[in-house]
Amino acid sequence: MSQTPLCTSAKVAPQRVAQSVDDPLLEGDAEACALARSLLKEARFAAIGTLDTDGFPHVSRIAFGRGPRGGYWSLISRLALHAKALRRDPRAGLMVGLPGPKGDPLTHPRLSLRVEAHAIDPMNPLHPTLCDRWLADHPKSKLYITLPDFYFVEFKILAATLNGGFARAWRLRPEDLD
């Protein structure tokens, strides 16, 4: 007895065709770059993926934002599992973007970033300026920003992919996000 595929009755709107099934990502265009920049500008937190001591992925939520001279930063605690993982291996993945209040969460845009994390020394002359900028964007962090286990991390973006919703996915370069 053969079964009918579940999706045979679904009506799907025509979409732009990706390069191939093996590489479904489109090259970034003006629309994709504008959407990615908007997601980054609005982001106050991100999901971060790192590798734990056993080599398994670990995902957590971090505060996220622009630095005083551009770039993207976080304030993290040395006690956090992701902080320990970043000290072992600075490679990480970040994702920004929120699902909207209605509809399928997978239809809402999100930006995935391949990054390297670099700790910022508290003695760096930029540190006071970074603290001021961070507090302007994340005022509640005033409660812990001066605690000795918290430090800033700058993320160097290596590559990005933007999912703009169903059948809308692009490959972006770091320079596309500035």
Protein backbone atom coordinates (compact mmCIF):
# COMPACT_ATOMS: atom_id res chain seq x y z
CA MET A 1 0.00 0.00 0.00
CA SER A 2 1.61 3.26 -1.11
CA GLN A 3 1.25 6.41 0.91
CA THR A 4 0.48 9.80 -0.54
CA PRO A 5 3.21 12.37 0.18
CA LEU A 6 2.11 14.84 2.83
CA CYS A 7 2.84 17.93 0.74
CA THR A 8 1.10 17.06 -2.52
CA SER A 9 -1.89 19.28 -1.86
CA ALA A 10 0.12 22.30 -0.68
CA LYS A 11 0.08 25.32 -2.95
CA VAL A 12 3.56 26.83 -3.07
CA ALA A 13 4.21 30.22 -4.61
CA PRO A 14 6.97 30.29 -7.22
CA GLN A 15 10.32 31.34 -5.77
CA ARG A 16 13.66 32.40 -7.17
CA VAL A 17 15.74 29.37 -8.01
CA ALA A 18 18.91 28.81 -6.00
CA GLN A 19 22.19 27.91 -7.67
CA SER A 20 21.71 24.16 -7.08
CA VAL A 21 20.36 21.63 -4.63
CA ASP A 22 23.92 21.15 -3.33
CA ASP A 23 24.37 24.92 -2.89
CA PRO A 24 20.97 26.50 -2.24
CA LEU A 25 22.38 29.89 -1.24
CA LEU A 26 22.08 32.88 -3.54
CA GLU A 27 24.88 35.42 -3.78
CA GLY A 28 24.15 38.47 -1.66
CA ASP A 29 22.39 41.36 -3.35
CA ALA A 30 21.28 44.82 -2.19
CA GLU A 31 18.08 43.44 -0.62
CA ALA A 32 19.98 40.78 1.33
CA CYS A 33 22.66 43.20 2.52
CA ALA A 34 20.05 45.71 3.72
CA LEU A 35 18.12 43.02 5.59
CA ALA A 36 21.29 41.62 7.21
CA ARG A 37 22.43 45.08 8.31
CA SER A 38 18.98 45.74 9.77
CA LEU A 39 19.08 42.49 11.79
CA LEU A 40 22.53 43.38 13.14
CA LYS A 41 21.52 46.93 14.00
CA GLU A 42 18.47 45.76 15.96
CA ALA A 43 20.16 42.84 17.75
CA ARG A 44 20.74 43.22 21.49
CA PHE A 45 21.40 39.51 21.99
CA ALA A 46 22.44 36.52 19.92
CA ALA A 47 22.62 32.76 20.12
CA ILE A 48 26.22 31.56 20.24
CA GLY A 49 27.40 28.09 19.33
CA THR A 50 30.75 26.81 20.61
CA LEU A 51 32.32 23.39 21.11
CA ASP A 52 32.43 21.99 24.64
CA THR A 53 35.33 20.01 26.10
CA ASP A 54 33.94 16.80 24.61
CA GLY A 55 33.74 18.34 21.13
CA PHE A 56 29.95 18.60 21.17
CA PRO A 57 28.13 21.78 20.19
CA HIS A 58 26.97 24.02 23.03
CA VAL A 59 24.48 26.81 22.35
CA SER A 60 23.78 29.71 24.67
CA ARG A 61 22.36 33.23 24.57
CA ILE A 62 24.65 36.24 24.91
CA ALA A 63 24.26 40.00 24.98
CA PHE A 64 25.34 41.43 21.63
CA GLY A 65 25.94 44.84 20.12
CA ARG A 66 28.02 47.31 18.14
CA GLY A 67 31.31 48.56 19.50
CA PRO A 68 32.28 52.24 19.72
CA ARG A 69 34.33 52.00 16.50
CA GLY A 70 32.11 49.48 14.74
CA GLY A 71 32.45 45.75 14.92
CA TYR A 72 30.35 43.47 17.08
CA TRP A 73 30.92 42.71 20.74
CA SER A 74 29.65 40.89 23.77
CA LEU A 75 30.15 41.16 27.51
CA ILE A 76 30.51 37.66 28.93
CA SER A 77 31.36 36.00 32.21
CA ARG A 78 34.48 33.85 32.50
CA LEU A 79 32.29 31.38 34.39
CA ALA A 80 30.02 30.70 31.39
CA LEU A 81 30.52 27.49 29.42
CA HIS A 82 30.74 29.42 26.16
CA ALA A 83 33.49 31.65 27.62
CA LYS A 84 35.52 28.60 28.59
CA ALA A 85 34.99 27.15 25.13
CA LEU A 86 36.08 30.39 23.43
CA ARG A 87 39.30 30.42 25.45
CA ARG A 88 40.09 26.94 24.08
CA ASP A 89 38.94 27.66 20.53
CA PRO A 90 37.93 31.18 19.41
CA ARG A 91 35.80 29.89 16.52
CA ALA A 92 32.07 30.24 17.04
CA GLY A 93 28.74 30.67 15.33
CA LEU A 94 26.29 33.46 16.11
CA MET A 95 22.67 33.87 15.10
CA VAL A 96 20.61 37.06 15.33
CA GLY A 97 17.00 37.70 14.41
CA LEU A 98 13.70 37.26 16.19
CA PRO A 99 10.58 35.47 15.07
CA GLY A 100 7.63 37.79 14.73
CA PRO A 101 4.58 37.61 16.98
CA LYS A 102 2.54 35.66 14.42
CA GLY A 103 3.09 32.99 11.85
CA ASP A 104 5.66 30.26 11.41
CA PRO A 105 8.96 31.23 13.11
CA LEU A 106 10.85 29.78 10.15
CA THR A 107 9.42 32.43 7.82
CA HIS A 108 11.09 35.26 9.77
CA PRO A 109 14.60 36.45 8.83
CA ARG A 110 17.71 35.40 10.71
CA LEU A 111 21.41 35.93 10.15
CA SER A 112 24.03 33.30 10.94
CA LEU A 113 27.61 34.45 11.39
CA ARG A 114 30.84 32.47 11.37
CA VAL A 115 33.13 34.36 13.76
CA GLU A 116 36.36 34.36 15.73
CA ALA A 117 36.10 35.74 19.26
CA HIS A 118 38.89 37.93 20.64
CA ALA A 119 38.98 38.89 24.33
CA ILE A 120 39.59 42.57 25.06
CA ASP A 121 42.08 43.30 27.82
CA PRO A 122 40.52 45.54 30.50
CA MET A 123 43.72 47.64 30.36
CA ASN A 124 43.10 48.41 26.67
CA PRO A 125 42.69 52.21 26.27
CA LEU A 126 39.44 51.54 24.39
CA HIS A 127 37.90 49.79 27.43
CA PRO A 128 36.24 52.88 29.08
CA THR A 129 34.72 53.94 25.75
CA LEU A 130 33.51 50.40 25.16
CA CYS A 131 31.90 50.34 28.63
CA ASP A 132 30.10 53.64 27.92
CA ARG A 133 28.79 52.42 24.57
CA TRP A 134 27.78 49.06 26.03
CA LEU A 135 25.84 50.67 28.88
CA ALA A 136 24.04 52.99 26.46
CA ASP A 137 22.75 49.95 24.55
CA HIS A 138 22.48 47.50 27.49
CA PRO A 139 21.65 49.62 30.57
CA LYS A 140 20.79 46.64 32.80
CA SER A 141 24.36 45.38 32.47
CA LYS A 142 25.31 48.16 34.90
CA LEU A 143 24.62 45.54 37.61
CA TYR A 144 27.54 43.33 36.53
CA ILE A 145 29.78 45.15 34.04
CA THR A 146 32.39 45.89 36.74
CA LEU A 147 32.42 42.40 38.27
CA PRO A 148 35.87 40.80 37.89
CA ASP A 149 34.66 37.77 35.94
CA PHE A 150 33.09 39.83 33.12
CA TYR A 151 35.04 40.87 30.07
CA PHE A 152 34.42 42.06 26.52
CA VAL A 153 34.81 39.92 23.45
CA GLU A 154 35.04 41.30 19.93
CA PHE A 155 33.75 39.10 17.12
CA LYS A 156 35.60 39.08 13.83
CA ILE A 157 33.08 38.08 11.18
CA LEU A 158 34.49 35.55 8.72
CA ALA A 159 31.35 34.66 6.74
CA ALA A 160 27.58 34.97 6.95
CA THR A 161 24.41 33.38 5.69
CA LEU A 162 21.07 35.13 5.71
CA ASN A 163 17.80 33.25 5.74
CA GLY A 164 15.16 35.78 4.79
CA GLY A 165 12.28 33.33 5.10
CA PHE A 166 11.13 30.39 3.03
CA ALA A 167 13.24 29.93 -0.13
CA ARG A 168 15.16 33.18 0.49
CA ALA A 169 18.72 32.38 1.56
CA TRP A 170 21.91 34.24 0.72
CA ARG A 171 25.65 33.91 1.24
CA LEU A 172 27.20 37.17 2.46
CA ARG A 173 30.76 38.41 2.94
CA PRO A 174 31.94 40.34 5.99
CA GLU A 175 32.13 43.55 3.96
CA ASP A 176 28.46 43.15 2.98
CA LEU A 177 27.53 43.75 6.62
CA ASP A 178 29.20 47.14 7.14
